[in-house]
């Protein structure tokens, strides 16, 4: 890689169209990033420490917390560093590492949301067989498959991107090293990398989203057949948090693809929503209406002293 590359480092130019807003962006992103780290760390500890949460649904939720911690930390720390006045430079290997983990965790997210939708499908449509179908071994295999699939996907895209020689401009017109921002700087022909990345990313996202829709279509049909109102509400409540998380993850992406000519600023905002805002919201989404998670979190937080305020 080093022999083929004449550029030893790149310069990240930041969010397109947001010049002169470094101070405001630094405060806003640092606050949201802190919330994402604290929220997901608390949720992960709660799932690990509470025996009541040692079920398949919370096992995958723990994996999602690990993913959210990593995904937000792939791009935001470097962005906060140069917004605070430090160098915009990132080494060649650092750029490749950032691209790898971004696509590894992004692909893992798609697979993990799909697996979580399947878990809810089994819970609602086959409740009597749920513990048999979602036993520890299949759950571990599904979780391992999501991470291995993400690594294979990212390895392919990273190798195709950085096998090319980079000998010209080193200015990346974006806030992190992503394929569409890095490939135009290559001195070689990037056609193969562009085709594979576009097809691979688009196809995986479409397949995962289609499988999620199929799962929730079956769930909706099963809920409609439940006669009692209380039963329908209970069945829907088991899926509502995951549906909200799916909407937060896929909603911005769908909106930008519906735009005939999306601006670079809009594209950056959508990626920040996926990279940072969604990981910060997920702990709230999965804990606000969940009594088990609330109970586990409350046992972790320090209790107020009963003697406070007494004379």
C-alpha atoms as a PDB file:
ATOM      1  CA  UNK A   1       0.000   0.000   0.000  1.00  0.00           C
ATOM      2  CA  UNK A   2       2.789   2.397   0.917  1.00  0.00           C
ATOM      3  CA  UNK A   3       4.727   1.710  -2.316  1.00  0.00           C
ATOM      4  CA  UNK A   4       1.689   2.533  -4.463  1.00  0.00           C
ATOM      5  CA  UNK A   5       0.706   5.682  -2.576  1.00  0.00           C
ATOM      6  CA  UNK A   6       2.538   8.961  -2.938  1.00  0.00           C
ATOM      7  CA  UNK A   7       0.228  10.800  -0.543  1.00  0.00           C
ATOM      8  CA  UNK A   8       1.182  10.185   3.099  1.00  0.00           C
ATOM      9  CA  UNK A   9      -1.729  12.088   4.633  1.00  0.00           C
ATOM     10  CA  UNK A  10      -5.032  13.722   3.743  1.00  0.00           C
ATOM     11  CA  UNK A  11      -6.698  16.958   4.831  1.00  0.00           C
ATOM     12  CA  UNK A  12     -10.333  16.758   5.962  1.00  0.00           C
ATOM     13  CA  UNK A  13     -12.057  19.975   4.864  1.00  0.00           C
ATOM     14  CA  UNK A  14     -15.105  19.472   7.116  1.00  0.00           C
ATOM     15  CA  UNK A  15     -18.853  19.726   6.569  1.00  0.00           C
ATOM     16  CA  UNK A  16     -19.600  21.259   3.144  1.00  0.00           C
ATOM     17  CA  UNK A  17     -21.277  24.657   3.444  1.00  0.00           C
ATOM     18  CA  UNK A  18     -20.678  24.978   7.192  1.00  0.00           C
ATOM     19  CA  UNK A  19     -17.599  27.208   7.087  1.00  0.00           C
ATOM     20  CA  UNK A  20     -17.286  29.635   9.980  1.00  0.00           C
ATOM     21  CA  UNK A  21     -19.537  27.610  12.320  1.00  0.00           C
ATOM     22  CA  UNK A  22     -16.767  25.714  14.093  1.00  0.00           C
ATOM     23  CA  UNK A  23     -17.596  26.947  17.596  1.00  0.00           C
ATOM     24  CA  UNK A  24     -21.308  26.175  17.434  1.00  0.00           C
ATOM     25  CA  UNK A  25     -20.717  22.800  15.782  1.00  0.00           C
ATOM     26  CA  UNK A  26     -18.099  21.886  18.398  1.00  0.00           C
ATOM     27  CA  UNK A  27     -20.458  22.551  21.316  1.00  0.00           C
ATOM     28  CA  UNK A  28     -23.434  20.824  19.691  1.00  0.00           C
ATOM     29  CA  UNK A  29     -21.600  17.717  18.490  1.00  0.00           C
ATOM     30  CA  UNK A  30     -19.622  17.343  21.720  1.00  0.00           C
ATOM     31  CA  UNK A  31     -22.842  17.443  23.761  1.00  0.00           C
ATOM     32  CA  UNK A  32     -24.620  14.867  21.562  1.00  0.00           C
ATOM     33  CA  UNK A  33     -21.524  12.637  21.442  1.00  0.00           C
ATOM     34  CA  UNK A  34     -21.264  12.682  25.235  1.00  0.00           C
ATOM     35  CA  UNK A  35     -24.943  11.706  25.499  1.00  0.00           C
ATOM     36  CA  UNK A  36     -24.392   8.868  23.018  1.00  0.00           C
ATOM     37  CA  UNK A  37     -21.419   7.499  24.980  1.00  0.00           C
ATOM     38  CA  UNK A  38     -23.059   7.755  28.402  1.00  0.00           C
ATOM     39  CA  UNK A  39     -26.453   6.446  27.260  1.00  0.00           C
ATOM     40  CA  UNK A  40     -25.113   3.402  25.458  1.00  0.00           C
ATOM     41  CA  UNK A  41     -22.578   2.598  28.173  1.00  0.00           C
ATOM     42  CA  UNK A  42     -25.328   2.704  30.818  1.00  0.00           C
ATOM     43  CA  UNK A  43     -27.644   0.571  28.680  1.00  0.00           C
ATOM     44  CA  UNK A  44     -24.900  -1.987  28.028  1.00  0.00           C
ATOM     45  CA  UNK A  45     -24.032  -2.242  31.729  1.00  0.00           C
ATOM     46  CA  UNK A  46     -27.731  -2.544  32.620  1.00  0.00           C
ATOM     47  CA  UNK A  47     -28.239  -5.408  30.150  1.00  0.00           C
ATOM     48  CA  UNK A  48     -25.110  -7.204  31.340  1.00  0.00           C
ATOM     49  CA  UNK A  49     -25.781  -6.810  35.063  1.00  0.00           C
ATOM     50  CA  UNK A  50     -29.523  -7.538  35.269  1.00  0.00           C
ATOM     51  CA  UNK A  51     -30.549 -11.238  35.137  1.00  0.00           C
ATOM     52  CA  UNK A  52     -34.049 -10.189  33.987  1.00  0.00           C
ATOM     53  CA  UNK A  53     -32.504  -8.776  30.805  1.00  0.00           C
ATOM     54  CA  UNK A  54     -30.632 -11.948  29.855  1.00  0.00           C
ATOM     55  CA  UNK A  55     -33.028 -12.729  27.000  1.00  0.00           C
ATOM     56  CA  UNK A  56     -32.520 -12.788  23.207  1.00  0.00           C
ATOM     57  CA  UNK A  57     -34.095  -9.346  22.679  1.00  0.00           C
ATOM     58  CA  UNK A  58     -31.785  -7.680  25.211  1.00  0.00           C
ATOM     59  CA  UNK A  59     -28.802  -9.695  24.004  1.00  0.00           C
ATOM     60  CA  UNK A  60     -29.196  -8.085  20.588  1.00  0.00           C
ATOM     61  CA  UNK A  61     -29.864  -4.733  22.246  1.00  0.00           C
ATOM     62  CA  UNK A  62     -26.518  -5.065  24.023  1.00  0.00           C
ATOM     63  CA  UNK A  63     -24.868  -5.698  20.666  1.00  0.00           C
ATOM     64  CA  UNK A  64     -26.594  -2.586  19.321  1.00  0.00           C
ATOM     65  CA  UNK A  65     -25.157  -0.547  22.207  1.00  0.00           C
ATOM     66  CA  UNK A  66     -21.650  -1.803  21.390  1.00  0.00           C
ATOM     67  CA  UNK A  67     -22.245  -0.898  17.746  1.00  0.00           C
ATOM     68  CA  UNK A  68     -23.506   2.595  18.653  1.00  0.00           C
ATOM     69  CA  UNK A  69     -20.469   3.232  20.851  1.00  0.00           C
ATOM     70  CA  UNK A  70     -18.143   2.268  18.004  1.00  0.00           C
ATOM     71  CA  UNK A  71     -20.063   3.892  15.154  1.00  0.00           C
ATOM     72  CA  UNK A  72     -20.228   7.320  16.772  1.00  0.00           C
ATOM     73  CA  UNK A  73     -16.541   7.070  17.761  1.00  0.00           C
ATOM     74  CA  UNK A  74     -15.376   6.304  14.208  1.00  0.00           C
ATOM     75  CA  UNK A  75     -15.757   9.834  12.843  1.00  0.00           C
ATOM     76  CA  UNK A  76     -16.756  12.238  15.624  1.00  0.00           C
ATOM     77  CA  UNK A  77     -13.545  12.397  17.771  1.00  0.00           C
ATOM     78  CA  UNK A  78     -11.423  13.464  14.774  1.00  0.00           C
ATOM     79  CA  UNK A  79     -14.096  15.950  13.766  1.00  0.00           C
ATOM     80  CA  UNK A  80     -14.192  17.448  17.280  1.00  0.00           C
ATOM     81  CA  UNK A  81     -10.386  17.667  17.241  1.00  0.00           C
ATOM     82  CA  UNK A  82     -10.155  19.854  14.138  1.00  0.00           C
ATOM     83  CA  UNK A  83     -13.232  21.885  15.105  1.00  0.00           C
ATOM     84  CA  UNK A  84     -11.367  22.791  18.312  1.00  0.00           C
ATOM     85  CA  UNK A  85      -8.484  24.209  16.273  1.00  0.00           C
ATOM     86  CA  UNK A  86      -6.219  21.206  15.826  1.00  0.00           C
ATOM     87  CA  UNK A  87      -4.851  19.985  12.518  1.00  0.00           C
ATOM     88  CA  UNK A  88      -7.228  18.782   9.814  1.00  0.00           C
ATOM     89  CA  UNK A  89      -4.628  16.242   8.678  1.00  0.00           C
ATOM     90  CA  UNK A  90      -5.238  12.511   8.899  1.00  0.00           C
ATOM     91  CA  UNK A  91      -2.608   9.931   7.959  1.00  0.00           C
ATOM     92  CA  UNK A  92      -3.055   7.598   5.014  1.00  0.00           C
ATOM     93  CA  UNK A  93      -3.436   4.607   7.329  1.00  0.00           C
ATOM     94  CA  UNK A  94      -5.728   6.599   9.605  1.00  0.00           C
ATOM     95  CA  UNK A  95      -7.951   7.435   6.641  1.00  0.00           C
ATOM     96  CA  UNK A  96      -8.085   3.783   5.588  1.00  0.00           C
ATOM     97  CA  UNK A  97      -8.862   2.715   9.172  1.00  0.00           C
ATOM     98  CA  UNK A  98     -11.652   5.277   9.452  1.00  0.00           C
ATOM     99  CA  UNK A  99     -13.205   4.122   6.177  1.00  0.00           C
ATOM    100  CA  UNK A 100     -12.957   0.467   7.184  1.00  0.00           C
ATOM    101  CA  UNK A 101     -14.671   0.876  10.551  1.00  0.00           C
ATOM    102  CA  UNK A 102     -17.326   3.190   9.143  1.00  0.00           C
ATOM    103  CA  UNK A 103     -18.426   0.606   6.574  1.00  0.00           C
ATOM    104  CA  UNK A 104     -17.884  -2.349   8.901  1.00  0.00           C
ATOM    105  CA  UNK A 105     -20.155  -0.875  11.560  1.00  0.00           C
ATOM    106  CA  UNK A 106     -22.613   0.505   9.006  1.00  0.00           C
ATOM    107  CA  UNK A 107     -23.052  -2.930   7.444  1.00  0.00           C
ATOM    108  CA  UNK A 108     -23.274  -4.519  10.890  1.00  0.00           C
ATOM    109  CA  UNK A 109     -26.065  -2.062  11.735  1.00  0.00           C
ATOM    110  CA  UNK A 110     -28.114  -3.226   8.734  1.00  0.00           C
ATOM    111  CA  UNK A 111     -27.636  -6.879   9.634  1.00  0.00           C
ATOM    112  CA  UNK A 112     -28.324  -6.293  13.330  1.00  0.00           C
ATOM    113  CA  UNK A 113     -31.576  -4.411  12.729  1.00  0.00           C
ATOM    114  CA  UNK A 114     -32.640  -7.254  10.422  1.00  0.00           C
ATOM    115  CA  UNK A 115     -31.861  -9.869  13.083  1.00  0.00           C
ATOM    116  CA  UNK A 116     -33.735  -7.852  15.725  1.00  0.00           C
ATOM    117  CA  UNK A 117     -36.770  -7.678  13.408  1.00  0.00           C
ATOM    118  CA  UNK A 118     -36.607 -11.474  13.006  1.00  0.00           C
ATOM    119  CA  UNK A 119     -36.448 -11.832  16.798  1.00  0.00           C
ATOM    120  CA  UNK A 120     -39.641  -9.768  17.164  1.00  0.00           C
ATOM    121  CA  UNK A 121     -41.275 -11.800  14.375  1.00  0.00           C
ATOM    122  CA  UNK A 122     -40.608 -15.054  16.228  1.00  0.00           C
ATOM    123  CA  UNK A 123     -41.774 -13.545  19.542  1.00  0.00           C
ATOM    124  CA  UNK A 124     -45.114 -12.334  18.127  1.00  0.00           C
ATOM    125  CA  UNK A 125     -45.891 -14.956  15.490  1.00  0.00           C
ATOM    126  CA  UNK A 126     -44.475 -18.065  17.226  1.00  0.00           C
ATOM    127  CA  UNK A 127     -44.572 -17.262  20.974  1.00  0.00           C
ATOM    128  CA  UNK A 128     -44.779 -20.894  22.095  1.00  0.00           C
ATOM    129  CA  UNK A 129     -41.658 -21.823  20.129  1.00  0.00           C
ATOM    130  CA  UNK A 130     -39.741 -18.611  20.883  1.00  0.00           C
ATOM    131  CA  UNK A 131     -37.377 -20.037  23.517  1.00  0.00           C
ATOM    132  CA  UNK A 132     -36.615 -23.038  21.307  1.00  0.00           C
ATOM    133  CA  UNK A 133     -35.987 -21.019  18.127  1.00  0.00           C
ATOM    134  CA  UNK A 134     -34.075 -18.183  19.799  1.00  0.00           C
ATOM    135  CA  UNK A 135     -31.959 -20.336  22.106  1.00  0.00           C
ATOM    136  CA  UNK A 136     -28.474 -19.116  23.123  1.00  0.00           C
ATOM    137  CA  UNK A 137     -26.612 -20.923  20.342  1.00  0.00           C
ATOM    138  CA  UNK A 138     -28.651 -19.512  17.395  1.00  0.00           C
ATOM    139  CA  UNK A 139     -28.554 -16.065  18.998  1.00  0.00           C
ATOM    140  CA  UNK A 140     -24.765 -16.209  19.308  1.00  0.00           C
ATOM    141  CA  UNK A 141     -24.494 -17.428  15.707  1.00  0.00           C
ATOM    142  CA  UNK A 142     -26.721 -14.595  14.437  1.00  0.00           C
ATOM    143  CA  UNK A 143     -24.777 -11.961  16.377  1.00  0.00           C
ATOM    144  CA  UNK A 144     -21.434 -13.347  15.202  1.00  0.00           C
ATOM    145  CA  UNK A 145     -22.712 -13.421  11.630  1.00  0.00           C
ATOM    146  CA  UNK A 146     -23.627  -9.734  11.721  1.00  0.00           C
ATOM    147  CA  UNK A 147     -20.140  -8.719  12.833  1.00  0.00           C
ATOM    148  CA  UNK A 148     -18.326 -11.104  10.464  1.00  0.00           C
ATOM    149  CA  UNK A 149     -20.500  -9.939   7.559  1.00  0.00           C
ATOM    150  CA  UNK A 150     -19.688  -6.318   8.366  1.00  0.00           C
ATOM    151  CA  UNK A 151     -15.947  -7.074   8.461  1.00  0.00           C
ATOM    152  CA  UNK A 152     -16.004  -8.883   5.102  1.00  0.00           C
ATOM    153  CA  UNK A 153     -17.989  -6.065   3.503  1.00  0.00           C
ATOM    154  CA  UNK A 154     -15.634  -3.382   4.856  1.00  0.00           C
ATOM    155  CA  UNK A 155     -12.490  -5.325   3.928  1.00  0.00           C
ATOM    156  CA  UNK A 156     -13.636  -5.561   0.299  1.00  0.00           C
ATOM    157  CA  UNK A 157     -14.466  -1.864   0.003  1.00  0.00           C
ATOM    158  CA  UNK A 158     -11.346  -0.666   1.839  1.00  0.00           C
ATOM    159  CA  UNK A 159      -8.989  -2.844  -0.218  1.00  0.00           C
ATOM    160  CA  UNK A 160     -10.560  -1.677  -3.498  1.00  0.00           C
ATOM    161  CA  UNK A 161     -10.343   1.963  -2.439  1.00  0.00           C
ATOM    162  CA  UNK A 162      -6.769   2.021  -1.127  1.00  0.00           C
ATOM    163  CA  UNK A 163      -5.178  -0.309  -3.656  1.00  0.00           C
ATOM    164  CA  UNK A 164      -5.248   2.709  -5.993  1.00  0.00           C
ATOM    165  CA  UNK A 165      -2.283   5.144  -6.075  1.00  0.00           C
ATOM    166  CA  UNK A 166      -2.886   8.608  -4.602  1.00  0.00           C
ATOM    167  CA  UNK A 167      -0.431  11.119  -5.982  1.00  0.00           C
ATOM    168  CA  UNK A 168      -2.377  14.365  -6.543  1.00  0.00           C
ATOM    169  CA  UNK A 169      -4.498  16.504  -4.280  1.00  0.00           C
ATOM    170  CA  UNK A 170      -4.783  15.420  -0.665  1.00  0.00           C
ATOM    171  CA  UNK A 171      -7.823  17.523   0.261  1.00  0.00           C
ATOM    172  CA  UNK A 172     -10.853  15.384   1.182  1.00  0.00           C
ATOM    173  CA  UNK A 173     -13.939  17.545   0.655  1.00  0.00           C
ATOM    174  CA  UNK A 174     -15.820  16.041   3.557  1.00  0.00           C
ATOM    175  CA  UNK A 175     -15.693  15.702   7.327  1.00  0.00           C
ATOM    176  CA  UNK A 176     -14.352  12.120   7.294  1.00  0.00           C
ATOM    177  CA  UNK A 177     -12.819   9.603   4.896  1.00  0.00           C
ATOM    178  CA  UNK A 178     -15.713   8.099   2.945  1.00  0.00           C
ATOM    179  CA  UNK A 179     -15.466   6.392  -0.437  1.00  0.00           C
ATOM    180  CA  UNK A 180     -17.191   9.117  -2.543  1.00  0.00           C
ATOM    181  CA  UNK A 181     -14.882  11.746  -1.017  1.00  0.00           C
ATOM    182  CA  UNK A 182     -11.615   9.789  -1.273  1.00  0.00           C
ATOM    183  CA  UNK A 183     -11.886   8.082  -4.685  1.00  0.00           C
ATOM    184  CA  UNK A 184     -11.792  11.346  -6.741  1.00  0.00           C
ATOM    185  CA  UNK A 185      -8.271  11.911  -5.362  1.00  0.00           C
ATOM    186  CA  UNK A 186      -6.922   8.656  -6.842  1.00  0.00           C
ATOM    187  CA  UNK A 187      -4.482   8.805  -9.751  1.00  0.00           C
ATOM    188  CA  UNK A 188      -5.641   5.420 -11.075  1.00  0.00           C
ATOM    189  CA  UNK A 189      -8.985   4.385 -12.538  1.00  0.00           C
ATOM    190  CA  UNK A 190     -11.552   4.262  -9.712  1.00  0.00           C
ATOM    191  CA  UNK A 191     -14.349   2.769 -11.855  1.00  0.00           C
ATOM    192  CA  UNK A 192     -14.192  -0.719 -10.329  1.00  0.00           C
ATOM    193  CA  UNK A 193     -14.171   0.582  -6.751  1.00  0.00           C
ATOM    194  CA  UNK A 194     -17.060   2.937  -7.525  1.00  0.00           C
ATOM    195  CA  UNK A 195     -19.180   0.218  -9.110  1.00  0.00           C
ATOM    196  CA  UNK A 196     -18.526  -2.330  -6.364  1.00  0.00           C
ATOM    197  CA  UNK A 197     -19.093   0.134  -3.520  1.00  0.00           C
ATOM    198  CA  UNK A 198     -22.315   1.504  -5.032  1.00  0.00           C
ATOM    199  CA  UNK A 199     -23.674  -1.960  -5.803  1.00  0.00           C
ATOM    200  CA  UNK A 200     -22.543  -3.543  -2.539  1.00  0.00           C
ATOM    201  CA  UNK A 201     -23.771  -0.795  -0.215  1.00  0.00           C
ATOM    202  CA  UNK A 202     -27.039  -0.294  -2.094  1.00  0.00           C
ATOM    203  CA  UNK A 203     -27.797  -3.999  -2.453  1.00  0.00           C
ATOM    204  CA  UNK A 204     -27.115  -4.839   1.194  1.00  0.00           C
ATOM    205  CA  UNK A 205     -29.231  -1.926   2.423  1.00  0.00           C
ATOM    206  CA  UNK A 206     -32.093  -2.892   0.115  1.00  0.00           C
ATOM    207  CA  UNK A 207     -32.001  -6.573   1.123  1.00  0.00           C
ATOM    208  CA  UNK A 208     -31.924  -5.764   4.844  1.00  0.00           C
ATOM    209  CA  UNK A 209     -34.723  -3.211   4.553  1.00  0.00           C
ATOM    210  CA  UNK A 210     -36.839  -5.656   2.522  1.00  0.00           C
ATOM    211  CA  UNK A 211     -36.366  -8.410   5.127  1.00  0.00           C
ATOM    212  CA  UNK A 212     -37.324  -5.972   7.898  1.00  0.00           C
ATOM    213  CA  UNK A 213     -40.479  -5.009   5.986  1.00  0.00           C
ATOM    214  CA  UNK A 214     -41.346  -8.683   5.499  1.00  0.00           C
ATOM    215  CA  UNK A 215     -40.923  -9.379   9.224  1.00  0.00           C
ATOM    216  CA  UNK A 216     -43.119  -6.477  10.260  1.00  0.00           C
ATOM    217  CA  UNK A 217     -45.723  -7.248   7.622  1.00  0.00           C
ATOM    218  CA  UNK A 218     -46.078 -10.734   9.144  1.00  0.00           C
ATOM    219  CA  UNK A 219     -46.123  -9.181  12.627  1.00  0.00           C
ATOM    220  CA  UNK A 220     -48.853  -6.737  11.589  1.00  0.00           C
ATOM    221  CA  UNK A 221     -50.980  -9.564  10.193  1.00  0.00           C
ATOM    222  CA  UNK A 222     -50.508 -11.583  13.391  1.00  0.00           C
ATOM    223  CA  UNK A 223     -51.423  -8.605  15.604  1.00  0.00           C
ATOM    224  CA  UNK A 224     -54.558  -7.922  13.533  1.00  0.00           C
ATOM    225  CA  UNK A 225     -55.766 -11.464  14.242  1.00  0.00           C
ATOM    226  CA  UNK A 226     -55.563 -10.988  18.022  1.00  0.00           C
ATOM    227  CA  UNK A 227     -59.108 -10.463  19.304  1.00  0.00           C
ATOM    228  CA  UNK A 228     -58.525  -8.618  22.564  1.00  0.00           C
ATOM    229  CA  UNK A 229     -57.439  -4.977  22.569  1.00  0.00           C
ATOM    230  CA  UNK A 230     -55.103  -5.618  25.471  1.00  0.00           C
ATOM    231  CA  UNK A 231     -53.437  -8.466  23.609  1.00  0.00           C
ATOM    232  CA  UNK A 232     -52.904  -6.306  20.517  1.00  0.00           C
ATOM    233  CA  UNK A 233     -51.428  -3.508  22.614  1.00  0.00           C
ATOM    234  CA  UNK A 234     -49.092  -5.903  24.411  1.00  0.00           C
ATOM    235  CA  UNK A 235     -47.915  -7.436  21.132  1.00  0.00           C
ATOM    236  CA  UNK A 236     -47.371  -4.030  19.532  1.00  0.00           C
ATOM    237  CA  UNK A 237     -45.510  -2.707  22.570  1.00  0.00           C
ATOM    238  CA  UNK A 238     -42.853  -5.391  22.124  1.00  0.00           C
ATOM    239  CA  UNK A 239     -42.080  -3.988  18.654  1.00  0.00           C
ATOM    240  CA  UNK A 240     -42.672  -0.242  19.036  1.00  0.00           C
ATOM    241  CA  UNK A 241     -39.126   0.612  20.217  1.00  0.00           C
ATOM    242  CA  UNK A 242     -37.520  -1.305  17.351  1.00  0.00           C
ATOM    243  CA  UNK A 243     -39.856   0.300  14.789  1.00  0.00           C
ATOM    244  CA  UNK A 244     -38.891   3.737  16.122  1.00  0.00           C
ATOM    245  CA  UNK A 245     -35.176   2.888  15.911  1.00  0.00           C
ATOM    246  CA  UNK A 246     -35.627   1.643  12.323  1.00  0.00           C
ATOM    247  CA  UNK A 247     -37.405   4.896  11.401  1.00  0.00           C
ATOM    248  CA  UNK A 248     -34.534   6.935  12.886  1.00  0.00           C
ATOM    249  CA  UNK A 249     -31.921   4.879  11.041  1.00  0.00           C
ATOM    250  CA  UNK A 250     -33.560   4.563   7.609  1.00  0.00           C
ATOM    251  CA  UNK A 251     -35.786   7.657   7.551  1.00  0.00           C
ATOM    252  CA  UNK A 252     -33.100  10.276   6.814  1.00  0.00           C
ATOM    253  CA  UNK A 253     -31.494   8.036   4.178  1.00  0.00           C
ATOM    254  CA  UNK A 254     -34.815   7.513   2.378  1.00  0.00           C
ATOM    255  CA  UNK A 255     -35.510  11.260   2.465  1.00  0.00           C
ATOM    256  CA  UNK A 256     -32.192  12.154   0.856  1.00  0.00           C
ATOM    257  CA  UNK A 257     -32.595   9.540  -1.888  1.00  0.00           C
ATOM    258  CA  UNK A 258     -36.006  11.039  -2.738  1.00  0.00           C
ATOM    259  CA  UNK A 259     -34.335  14.384  -3.446  1.00  0.00           C
ATOM    260  CA  UNK A 260     -33.665  14.864  -7.191  1.00  0.00           C
ATOM    261  CA  UNK A 261     -30.422  16.763  -6.554  1.00  0.00           C
ATOM    262  CA  UNK A 262     -29.448  16.606  -2.861  1.00  0.00           C
ATOM    263  CA  UNK A 263     -26.949  19.212  -1.667  1.00  0.00           C
ATOM    264  CA  UNK A 264     -23.620  18.165  -0.097  1.00  0.00           C
ATOM    265  CA  UNK A 265     -24.721  19.871   3.134  1.00  0.00           C
ATOM    266  CA  UNK A 266     -27.916  17.783   3.261  1.00  0.00           C
ATOM    267  CA  UNK A 267     -25.914  14.611   2.661  1.00  0.00           C
ATOM    268  CA  UNK A 268     -23.549  15.509   5.510  1.00  0.00           C
ATOM    269  CA  UNK A 269     -26.475  16.237   7.845  1.00  0.00           C
ATOM    270  CA  UNK A 270     -28.025  12.848   7.047  1.00  0.00           C
ATOM    271  CA  UNK A 271     -24.745  11.054   7.772  1.00  0.00           C
ATOM    272  CA  UNK A 272     -24.339  12.930  11.061  1.00  0.00           C
ATOM    273  CA  UNK A 273     -27.872  11.884  11.982  1.00  0.00           C
ATOM    274  CA  UNK A 274     -26.938   8.250  11.332  1.00  0.00           C
ATOM    275  CA  UNK A 275     -23.445   8.456  12.860  1.00  0.00           C
ATOM    276  CA  UNK A 276     -24.252  10.427  15.984  1.00  0.00           C
ATOM    277  CA  UNK A 277     -27.875  11.375  16.597  1.00  0.00           C
ATOM    278  CA  UNK A 278     -29.356   7.878  16.138  1.00  0.00           C
ATOM    279  CA  UNK A 279     -26.797   6.270  18.525  1.00  0.00           C
ATOM    280  CA  UNK A 280     -27.647   8.990  21.067  1.00  0.00           C
ATOM    281  CA  UNK A 281     -31.405   8.375  20.707  1.00  0.00           C
ATOM    282  CA  UNK A 282     -31.354   4.568  20.814  1.00  0.00           C
ATOM    283  CA  UNK A 283     -30.865   4.291  24.615  1.00  0.00           C
ATOM    284  CA  UNK A 284     -33.845   6.637  25.110  1.00  0.00           C
ATOM    285  CA  UNK A 285     -35.972   4.765  22.581  1.00  0.00           C
ATOM    286  CA  UNK A 286     -35.369   1.385  24.223  1.00  0.00           C
ATOM    287  CA  UNK A 287     -35.687   2.561  27.840  1.00  0.00           C
ATOM    288  CA  UNK A 288     -38.464   5.176  27.995  1.00  0.00           C
ATOM    289  CA  UNK A 289     -41.353   2.694  27.737  1.00  0.00           C
ATOM    290  CA  UNK A 290     -39.565  -0.418  28.961  1.00  0.00           C
ATOM    291  CA  UNK A 291     -40.118  -1.215  32.639  1.00  0.00           C
ATOM    292  CA  UNK A 292     -37.398  -3.879  32.760  1.00  0.00           C
ATOM    293  CA  UNK A 293     -34.741  -1.531  31.359  1.00  0.00           C
ATOM    294  CA  UNK A 294     -35.914   1.305  33.628  1.00  0.00           C
ATOM    295  CA  UNK A 295     -35.649  -0.978  36.646  1.00  0.00           C
ATOM    296  CA  UNK A 296     -32.149  -2.118  35.673  1.00  0.00           C
ATOM    297  CA  UNK A 297     -30.996   1.458  35.037  1.00  0.00           C
ATOM    298  CA  UNK A 298     -32.450   2.714  38.309  1.00  0.00           C
ATOM    299  CA  UNK A 299     -30.489   0.063  40.214  1.00  0.00           C
ATOM    300  CA  UNK A 300     -27.281   1.377  38.630  1.00  0.00           C
ATOM    301  CA  UNK A 301     -27.860   5.062  39.349  1.00  0.00           C
ATOM    302  CA  UNK A 302     -27.018   6.360  42.835  1.00  0.00           C
ATOM    303  CA  UNK A 303     -30.011   6.720  45.128  1.00  0.00           C
ATOM    304  CA  UNK A 304     -30.705  10.016  46.814  1.00  0.00           C
ATOM    305  CA  UNK A 305     -29.930  10.047  50.499  1.00  0.00           C
ATOM    306  CA  UNK A 306     -33.010   9.712  52.690  1.00  0.00           C
ATOM    307  CA  UNK A 307     -31.547  12.087  55.220  1.00  0.00           C
ATOM    308  CA  UNK A 308     -31.075  14.875  52.680  1.00  0.00           C
ATOM    309  CA  UNK A 309     -32.914  17.924  53.790  1.00  0.00           C
ATOM    310  CA  UNK A 310     -33.413  16.706  57.366  1.00  0.00           C
ATOM    311  CA  UNK A 311     -32.314  18.956  60.131  1.00  0.00           C
END
